[in-house]
C-alpha atoms as a PDB file:
ATOM      1  CA  MET A   1     106.481  23.036 -10.525  1.00  0.00           C
ATOM      2  CA  ALA A   2     106.039  24.236  -6.944  1.00  0.00           C
ATOM      3  CA  LEU A   3     107.957  27.136  -5.495  1.00  0.00           C
ATOM      4  CA  GLN A   4     110.757  26.475  -3.035  1.00  0.00           C
ATOM      5  CA  ARG A   5     109.980  27.051   0.620  1.00  0.00           C
ATOM      6  CA  THR A   6     112.155  28.449   3.371  1.00  0.00           C
ATOM      7  CA  PHE A   7     111.889  29.232   7.067  1.00  0.00           C
ATOM      8  CA  LYS A   8     111.229  32.669   8.475  1.00  0.00           C
ATOM      9  CA  GLU A   9     114.459  34.086   9.865  1.00  0.00           C
ATOM     10  CA  LYS A  10     113.276  34.216  13.455  1.00  0.00           C
ATOM     11  CA  TYR A  11     112.211  30.568  13.351  1.00  0.00           C
ATOM     12  CA  ALA A  12     115.463  29.414  11.736  1.00  0.00           C
ATOM     13  CA  ASN A  13     117.385  31.195  14.488  1.00  0.00           C
ATOM     14  CA  GLN A  14     115.120  29.619  17.082  1.00  0.00           C
ATOM     15  CA  LEU A  15     115.838  26.121  15.782  1.00  0.00           C
ATOM     16  CA  GLN A  16     119.563  26.698  16.013  1.00  0.00           C
ATOM     17  CA  TYR A  17     119.231  28.129  19.514  1.00  0.00           C
ATOM     18  CA  GLU A  18     117.232  25.075  20.574  1.00  0.00           C
ATOM     19  CA  ALA A  19     119.814  22.750  19.040  1.00  0.00           C
ATOM     20  CA  LYS A  20     122.671  24.452  20.880  1.00  0.00           C
ATOM     21  CA  HIS A  21     120.820  24.226  24.176  1.00  0.00           C
ATOM     22  CA  GLY A  22     119.577  20.653  23.800  1.00  0.00           C
ATOM     23  CA  ILE A  23     115.912  21.572  23.398  1.00  0.00           C
ATOM     24  CA  GLY A  24     113.823  19.054  21.460  1.00  0.00           C
ATOM     25  CA  ILE A  25     116.739  16.847  20.453  1.00  0.00           C
ATOM     26  CA  ASN A  26     114.405  13.879  20.046  1.00  0.00           C
ATOM     27  CA  ARG A  27     112.953  15.568  16.941  1.00  0.00           C
ATOM     28  CA  TYR A  28     116.186  14.719  15.129  1.00  0.00           C
ATOM     29  CA  THR A  29     115.780  11.011  15.846  1.00  0.00           C
ATOM     30  CA  LYS A  30     112.382  10.685  14.126  1.00  0.00           C
ATOM     31  CA  PRO A  31     111.712   9.799  10.448  1.00  0.00           C
ATOM     32  CA  SER A  32     110.673  13.418   9.826  1.00  0.00           C
ATOM     33  CA  PHE A  33     111.387  16.613  11.723  1.00  0.00           C
ATOM     34  CA  ASP A  34     108.486  18.148  13.623  1.00  0.00           C
ATOM     35  CA  TYR A  35     108.493  21.816  12.580  1.00  0.00           C
ATOM     36  CA  ASP A  36     105.924  24.611  12.668  1.00  0.00           C
ATOM     37  CA  PRO A  37     104.338  24.940   9.176  1.00  0.00           C
ATOM     38  CA  ASN A  38     103.223  28.453  10.055  1.00  0.00           C
ATOM     39  CA  GLN A  39     106.875  29.531  10.030  1.00  0.00           C
ATOM     40  CA  VAL A  40     107.351  28.776   6.328  1.00  0.00           C
ATOM     41  CA  LEU A  41     107.613  31.225   3.418  1.00  0.00           C
ATOM     42  CA  LEU A  42     107.667  30.757  -0.370  1.00  0.00           C
ATOM     43  CA  ILE A  43     110.675  31.930  -2.382  1.00  0.00           C
ATOM     44  CA  PRO A  44     109.144  33.366  -5.572  1.00  0.00           C
ATOM     45  CA  THR A  45     112.391  33.176  -7.582  1.00  0.00           C
ATOM     46  CA  ILE A  46     113.285  29.528  -6.862  1.00  0.00           C
ATOM     47  CA  GLU A  47     111.432  26.437  -8.043  1.00  0.00           C
ATOM     48  CA  GLN A  48     111.486  23.361  -5.831  1.00  0.00           C
ATOM     49  CA  PRO A  49     113.395  20.596  -7.663  1.00  0.00           C
ATOM     50  CA  GLU A  50     111.701  17.256  -8.146  1.00  0.00           C
ATOM     51  CA  GLY A  51     113.342  14.006  -7.058  1.00  0.00           C
ATOM     52  CA  LEU A  52     116.353  15.623  -5.384  1.00  0.00           C
ATOM     53  CA  LEU A  53     116.113  13.631  -2.157  1.00  0.00           C
ATOM     54  CA  ASP A  54     115.997  10.322  -4.014  1.00  0.00           C
ATOM     55  CA  SER A  55     119.034  11.261  -6.102  1.00  0.00           C
ATOM     56  CA  MET A  56     121.297  12.038  -3.157  1.00  0.00           C
ATOM     57  CA  ASP A  57     123.442   9.368  -1.514  1.00  0.00           C
ATOM     58  CA  ALA A  58     124.430   9.678   2.148  1.00  0.00           C
ATOM     59  CA  SER A  59     127.479   7.483   1.515  1.00  0.00           C
ATOM     60  CA  ASP A  60     128.769   9.581  -1.420  1.00  0.00           C
ATOM     61  CA  ASP A  61     129.460  13.262  -0.730  1.00  0.00           C
ATOM     62  CA  LEU A  62     130.665  13.978  -4.265  1.00  0.00           C
ATOM     63  CA  LYS A  63     127.575  12.565  -5.937  1.00  0.00           C
ATOM     64  CA  SER A  64     125.288  14.345  -3.492  1.00  0.00           C
ATOM     65  CA  ALA A  65     127.107  17.645  -3.941  1.00  0.00           C
ATOM     66  CA  LYS A  66     126.704  17.514  -7.709  1.00  0.00           C
ATOM     67  CA  LYS A  67     123.021  16.644  -7.467  1.00  0.00           C
ATOM     68  CA  LEU A  68     122.400  19.409  -4.950  1.00  0.00           C
ATOM     69  CA  TYR A  69     124.236  22.001  -7.020  1.00  0.00           C
ATOM     70  CA  GLU A  70     122.502  20.989 -10.241  1.00  0.00           C
ATOM     71  CA  ALA A  71     119.131  21.218  -8.509  1.00  0.00           C
ATOM     72  CA  TYR A  72     119.864  24.757  -7.317  1.00  0.00           C
ATOM     73  CA  SER A  73     122.369  25.908  -9.949  1.00  0.00           C
ATOM     74  CA  LYS A  74     120.379  29.055 -10.714  1.00  0.00           C
ATOM     75  CA  ILE A  75     120.310  30.510  -7.210  1.00  0.00           C
ATOM     76  CA  THR A  76     122.476  33.551  -6.616  1.00  0.00           C
ATOM     77  CA  PRO A  77     125.431  33.643  -4.212  1.00  0.00           C
ATOM     78  CA  LEU A  78     123.313  35.903  -2.003  1.00  0.00           C
ATOM     79  CA  GLN A  79     120.545  33.295  -1.864  1.00  0.00           C
ATOM     80  CA  ALA A  80     123.144  30.593  -1.250  1.00  0.00           C
ATOM     81  CA  ALA A  81     124.369  32.552   1.762  1.00  0.00           C
ATOM     82  CA  ASP A  82     120.880  32.579   3.306  1.00  0.00           C
ATOM     83  CA  GLU A  83     120.978  30.363   6.388  1.00  0.00           C
ATOM     84  CA  CYS A  84     117.162  30.214   6.552  1.00  0.00           C
ATOM     85  CA  PHE A  85     117.110  28.487   3.157  1.00  0.00           C
ATOM     86  CA  TRP A  86     119.625  25.839   4.183  1.00  0.00           C
ATOM     87  CA  THR A  87     117.992  25.342   7.571  1.00  0.00           C
ATOM     88  CA  TYR A  88     114.700  24.613   5.825  1.00  0.00           C
ATOM     89  CA  LEU A  89     116.254  22.106   3.420  1.00  0.00           C
ATOM     90  CA  THR A  90     118.089  20.412   6.286  1.00  0.00           C
ATOM     91  CA  HIS A  91     114.989  20.052   8.436  1.00  0.00           C
ATOM     92  CA  VAL A  92     112.329  19.436   5.797  1.00  0.00           C
ATOM     93  CA  ASP A  93     113.028  18.640   2.132  1.00  0.00           C
ATOM     94  CA  LEU A  94     116.340  16.838   2.677  1.00  0.00           C
ATOM     95  CA  PHE A  95     116.023  15.863   6.331  1.00  0.00           C
ATOM     96  CA  PRO A  96     116.173  12.082   5.629  1.00  0.00           C
ATOM     97  CA  TYR A  97     119.440  12.559   3.721  1.00  0.00           C
ATOM     98  CA  VAL A  98     121.064  14.710   6.417  1.00  0.00           C
ATOM     99  CA  GLN A  99     119.858  12.346   9.115  1.00  0.00           C
ATOM    100  CA  LYS A 100     121.274   9.305   7.337  1.00  0.00           C
ATOM    101  CA  ARG A 101     124.525  11.141   6.604  1.00  0.00           C
ATOM    102  CA  ASN A 102     124.861  11.881  10.336  1.00  0.00           C
ATOM    103  CA  ASP A 103     123.308   8.696  11.632  1.00  0.00           C
ATOM    104  CA  ALA A 104     124.539   8.939  15.216  1.00  0.00           C
ATOM    105  CA  VAL A 105     121.131  10.524  15.829  1.00  0.00           C
ATOM    106  CA  LEU A 106     119.544   7.141  15.069  1.00  0.00           C
ATOM    107  CA  GLU A 107     121.394   5.359  17.864  1.00  0.00           C
ATOM    108  CA  ASP A 108     119.414   4.380  20.957  1.00  0.00           C
ATOM    109  CA  GLY A 109     119.436   7.026  23.647  1.00  0.00           C
ATOM    110  CA  PHE A 110     120.952   9.751  21.459  1.00  0.00           C
ATOM    111  CA  ASP A 111     121.151  13.023  23.403  1.00  0.00           C
ATOM    112  CA  ASP A 112     123.998  15.196  22.114  1.00  0.00           C
ATOM    113  CA  ALA A 113     123.189  18.865  21.519  1.00  0.00           C
ATOM    114  CA  LYS A 114     126.676  19.667  20.222  1.00  0.00           C
ATOM    115  CA  TYR A 115     126.401  16.939  17.605  1.00  0.00           C
ATOM    116  CA  ILE A 116     123.154  18.456  16.321  1.00  0.00           C
ATOM    117  CA  ASP A 117     124.661  21.937  16.163  1.00  0.00           C
ATOM    118  CA  ASN A 118     127.721  20.641  14.309  1.00  0.00           C
ATOM    119  CA  HIS A 119     125.986  18.311  11.851  1.00  0.00           C
ATOM    120  CA  PHE A 120     122.570  19.855  11.189  1.00  0.00           C
ATOM    121  CA  PHE A 121     123.720  23.475  11.309  1.00  0.00           C
ATOM    122  CA  HIS A 122     127.293  24.762  11.034  1.00  0.00           C
ATOM    123  CA  GLY A 123     128.523  24.639  14.603  1.00  0.00           C
ATOM    124  CA  PHE A 124     132.074  23.922  13.417  1.00  0.00           C
ATOM    125  CA  GLY A 125     132.323  27.346  11.779  1.00  0.00           C
ATOM    126  CA  THR A 126     131.108  29.065   8.603  1.00  0.00           C
ATOM    127  CA  LEU A 127     128.535  27.791   6.099  1.00  0.00           C
ATOM    128  CA  ILE A 128     131.199  25.658   4.419  1.00  0.00           C
ATOM    129  CA  TYR A 129     130.752  23.295   7.405  1.00  0.00           C
ATOM    130  CA  HIS A 130     126.986  23.083   6.897  1.00  0.00           C
ATOM    131  CA  PRO A 131     125.867  19.594   5.736  1.00  0.00           C
ATOM    132  CA  LEU A 132     124.161  21.016   2.625  1.00  0.00           C
ATOM    133  CA  ALA A 133     125.416  24.549   2.070  1.00  0.00           C
ATOM    134  CA  GLY A 134     128.997  23.279   2.222  1.00  0.00           C
ATOM    135  CA  LEU A 135     128.361  20.782  -0.555  1.00  0.00           C
ATOM    136  CA  TRP A 136     126.712  23.409  -2.771  1.00  0.00           C
ATOM    137  CA  TRP A 137     129.546  25.887  -2.302  1.00  0.00           C
ATOM    138  CA  ASP A 138     132.167  23.182  -2.907  1.00  0.00           C
ATOM    139  CA  VAL A 139     130.747  22.677  -6.385  1.00  0.00           C
ATOM    140  CA  ARG A 140     129.954  26.346  -7.027  1.00  0.00           C
ATOM    141  CA  CYS A 141     133.565  27.323  -6.376  1.00  0.00           C
ATOM    142  CA  THR A 142     135.188  24.527  -8.410  1.00  0.00           C
ATOM    143  CA  ILE A 143     132.937  23.925 -11.398  1.00  0.00           C
ATOM    144  CA  ASP A 144     134.577  25.074 -14.648  1.00  0.00           C
ATOM    145  CA  LYS A 145     131.770  25.434 -17.154  1.00  0.00           C
ATOM    146  CA  ASP A 146     134.202  26.225 -19.977  1.00  0.00           C
ATOM    147  CA  ALA A 147     136.117  22.958 -19.610  1.00  0.00           C
ATOM    148  CA  MET A 148     135.402  19.728 -21.458  1.00  0.00           C
ATOM    149  CA  ASP A 149     134.949  18.130 -18.031  1.00  0.00           C
ATOM    150  CA  PRO A 150     133.384  20.875 -15.885  1.00  0.00           C
ATOM    151  CA  TYR A 151     133.744  18.779 -12.725  1.00  0.00           C
ATOM    152  CA  LYS A 152     137.439  17.942 -12.984  1.00  0.00           C
ATOM    153  CA  TYR A 153     138.391  20.300 -10.148  1.00  0.00           C
ATOM    154  CA  THR A 154     135.351  19.316  -8.095  1.00  0.00           C
ATOM    155  CA  ASP A 155     136.273  15.645  -8.385  1.00  0.00           C
ATOM    156  CA  TYR A 156     139.793  16.353  -7.165  1.00  0.00           C
ATOM    157  CA  LEU A 157     138.658  18.575  -4.308  1.00  0.00           C
ATOM    158  CA  PHE A 158     136.429  15.838  -2.905  1.00  0.00           C
ATOM    159  CA  LYS A 159     139.313  13.398  -2.644  1.00  0.00           C
ATOM    160  CA  ASP A 160     140.425  15.076   0.574  1.00  0.00           C
ATOM    161  CA  TYR A 161     138.074  16.471   3.222  1.00  0.00           C
ATOM    162  CA  GLY A 162     140.796  18.591   4.786  1.00  0.00           C
ATOM    163  CA  LEU A 163     141.576  20.302   1.487  1.00  0.00           C
ATOM    164  CA  ARG A 164     137.890  20.786   0.719  1.00  0.00           C
ATOM    165  CA  VAL A 165     136.822  22.263   4.036  1.00  0.00           C
ATOM    166  CA  THR A 166     139.699  23.153   6.331  1.00  0.00           C
ATOM    167  CA  PHE A 167     142.427  24.389   3.994  1.00  0.00           C
ATOM    168  CA  MET A 168     140.441  25.901   1.135  1.00  0.00           C
ATOM    169  CA  GLY A 169     136.746  26.108   1.907  1.00  0.00           C
ATOM    170  CA  ARG A 170     137.056  28.237   5.017  1.00  0.00           C
ATOM    171  CA  TYR A 171     139.382  30.790   3.404  1.00  0.00           C
ATOM    172  CA  VAL A 172     138.320  33.803   1.335  1.00  0.00           C
ATOM    173  CA  LEU A 173     140.410  32.450  -1.549  1.00  0.00           C
ATOM    174  CA  PHE A 174     137.759  29.772  -2.114  1.00  0.00           C
ATOM    175  CA  ARG A 175     135.423  32.439  -3.526  1.00  0.00           C
ATOM    176  CA  HIS A 176     137.964  33.331  -6.238  1.00  0.00           C
ATOM    177  CA  LYS A 177     137.569  30.584  -8.824  1.00  0.00           C
ATOM    178  CA  GLU A 178     140.697  31.427 -10.815  1.00  0.00           C
ATOM    179  CA  GLU A 179     142.772  31.053  -7.658  1.00  0.00           C
ATOM    180  CA  VAL A 180     141.107  27.733  -6.861  1.00  0.00           C
ATOM    181  CA  PHE A 181     141.677  26.478 -10.418  1.00  0.00           C
ATOM    182  CA  GLY A 182     145.353  27.460 -10.362  1.00  0.00           C
ATOM    183  CA  ILE A 183     146.018  25.786  -7.017  1.00  0.00           C
ATOM    184  CA  LEU A 184     144.156  22.595  -7.896  1.00  0.00           C
ATOM    185  CA  ASP A 185     145.824  22.463 -11.322  1.00  0.00           C
ATOM    186  CA  PHE A 186     149.201  22.525  -9.613  1.00  0.00           C
ATOM    187  CA  LEU A 187     148.271  19.786  -7.150  1.00  0.00           C
ATOM    188  CA  MET A 188     146.781  17.606  -9.872  1.00  0.00           C
ATOM    189  CA  LYS A 189     149.868  17.903 -12.079  1.00  0.00           C
ATOM    190  CA  ASN A 190     152.424  17.502  -9.285  1.00  0.00           C
ATOM    191  CA  GLU A 191     151.703  14.194  -7.619  1.00  0.00           C
ATOM    192  CA  ASP A 192     154.963  14.328  -5.681  1.00  0.00           C
ATOM    193  CA  VAL A 193     153.592  17.331  -3.808  1.00  0.00           C
ATOM    194  CA  ALA A 194     150.243  15.733  -3.036  1.00  0.00           C
ATOM    195  CA  SER A 195     151.408  12.176  -2.326  1.00  0.00           C
ATOM    196  CA  GLU A 196     152.966  12.959   1.071  1.00  0.00           C
ATOM    197  CA  HIS A 197     152.356  15.463   3.862  1.00  0.00           C
ATOM    198  CA  PHE A 198     149.330  16.696   1.940  1.00  0.00           C
ATOM    199  CA  ARG A 199     147.638  18.255   4.950  1.00  0.00           C
ATOM    200  CA  GLN A 200     150.639  20.414   5.814  1.00  0.00           C
ATOM    201  CA  ARG A 201     151.413  21.374   2.219  1.00  0.00           C
ATOM    202  CA  SER A 202     147.867  22.328   1.276  1.00  0.00           C
ATOM    203  CA  ARG A 203     147.640  24.352   4.481  1.00  0.00           C
ATOM    204  CA  TRP A 204     150.882  26.163   3.632  1.00  0.00           C
ATOM    205  CA  ILE A 205     149.664  26.974   0.116  1.00  0.00           C
ATOM    206  CA  ALA A 206     146.400  28.413   1.410  1.00  0.00           C
ATOM    207  CA  GLN A 207     148.186  30.502   4.008  1.00  0.00           C
ATOM    208  CA  TYR A 208     150.784  31.686   1.491  1.00  0.00           C
ATOM    209  CA  PHE A 209     148.192  33.153  -0.853  1.00  0.00           C
ATOM    210  CA  ASN A 210     146.318  34.674   2.074  1.00  0.00           C
ATOM    211  CA  LYS A 211     149.501  36.572   2.919  1.00  0.00           C
ATOM    212  CA  VAL A 212     150.041  37.582  -0.701  1.00  0.00           C
ATOM    213  CA  GLY A 213     146.460  38.827  -0.777  1.00  0.00           C
ATOM    214  CA  ALA A 214     147.339  41.414   1.857  1.00  0.00           C
ATOM    215  CA  VAL A 215     149.572  43.263  -0.620  1.00  0.00           C
ATOM    216  CA  LYS A 216     148.274  42.184  -4.044  1.00  0.00           C
ATOM    217  CA  GLN A 217     144.797  42.233  -5.626  1.00  0.00           C
ATOM    218  CA  LEU A 218     144.490  38.488  -6.211  1.00  0.00           C
ATOM    219  CA  ARG A 219     141.019  38.780  -7.740  1.00  0.00           C
ATOM    220  CA  SER A 220     142.518  40.542 -10.738  1.00  0.00           C
ATOM    221  CA  LEU A 221     144.809  37.602 -11.518  1.00  0.00           C
ATOM    222  CA  ASN A 222     143.966  34.500 -13.529  1.00  0.00           C
ATOM    223  CA  ARG A 223     144.740  30.850 -12.820  1.00  0.00           C
ATOM    224  CA  ASP A 224     148.068  31.001 -14.667  1.00  0.00           C
ATOM    225  CA  TYR A 225     149.515  33.319 -12.022  1.00  0.00           C
ATOM    226  CA  PHE A 226     148.647  30.987  -9.157  1.00  0.00           C
ATOM    227  CA  TYR A 227     149.858  27.917 -11.011  1.00  0.00           C
ATOM    228  CA  SER A 228     153.152  29.559 -12.022  1.00  0.00           C
ATOM    229  CA  GLU A 229     153.725  30.901  -8.514  1.00  0.00           C
ATOM    230  CA  LEU A 230     153.385  27.407  -7.057  1.00  0.00           C
ATOM    231  CA  VAL A 231     155.718  25.957  -9.692  1.00  0.00           C
ATOM    232  CA  ARG A 232     158.264  28.601  -8.660  1.00  0.00           C
ATOM    233  CA  LEU A 233     157.826  27.627  -5.018  1.00  0.00           C
ATOM    234  CA  LYS A 234     157.708  23.874  -5.544  1.00  0.00           C
ATOM    235  CA  ASP A 235     161.000  23.151  -3.759  1.00  0.00           C
ATOM    236  CA  VAL A 236     159.781  25.099  -0.731  1.00  0.00           C
ATOM    237  CA  ILE A 237     156.484  23.231  -0.777  1.00  0.00           C
ATOM    238  CA  LEU A 238     158.260  19.872  -0.966  1.00  0.00           C
ATOM    239  CA  SER A 239     160.259  20.836   2.118  1.00  0.00           C
ATOM    240  CA  ILE A 240     157.018  21.199   4.120  1.00  0.00           C
ATOM    241  CA  LYS A 241     156.580  18.008   6.124  1.00  0.00           C
ATOM    242  CA  THR A 242     155.389  19.006   9.591  1.00  0.00           C
ATOM    243  CA  ASP A 243     153.102  21.549  11.227  1.00  0.00           C
ATOM    244  CA  GLU A 244     156.215  23.368  12.436  1.00  0.00           C
ATOM    245  CA  ASP A 245     157.402  23.654   8.827  1.00  0.00           C
ATOM    246  CA  VAL A 246     154.110  25.334   7.944  1.00  0.00           C
ATOM    247  CA  LYS A 247     154.726  27.956  10.626  1.00  0.00           C
ATOM    248  CA  SER A 248     158.413  28.553   9.880  1.00  0.00           C
ATOM    249  CA  HIS A 249     158.412  28.732   6.069  1.00  0.00           C
END
């Protein structure tokens, strides 16, 4: 099996700079991205997976996330935080998938630098917004390998984009799996909480534990603490119905 390739850091940064400034946008409209092969390095510790592109589905984020994670399940969190790696996958190995997933680039006359920055890099914010890195981290932070169904939390997370990206993924809490498991367990078992005003309530929960984290070492606590704390606060959570409620409670 061949070794995985990546871009040199300077070149990866250059591509993002060009995207932000509208340089070479037409490259994103072609069947394959025109990159400089001299700016590629081998990663000696990662093997390039076979058949990954064919297994991913631009119309199914959950399926694609699982396939992507399984293909690179052995990479370390440090490697998964390497933007050069994800930039290479986005522009080379998995370019057809990312292009199809963000198919505005295929429309006649496409010329939107901001769209490229947002959908082929992570112009919206951190890596959780990246079209590939975000999917990998979504699975990495929710997979429970000790459970009979290791993807039960992943499956639930992908039911709501706001929960997955805006109200969990972008917070530090998302890196603490026990906290994620406790919160998702509560939401899964309390349908009355999740059936209405879900955006406001999930936002309040995330912000609540962020505040608790300022005075308590949350990483030392298991999922039972987070679940029990939300059960204790259920009446408060049910009272959250508007954005103003999120701010005032």
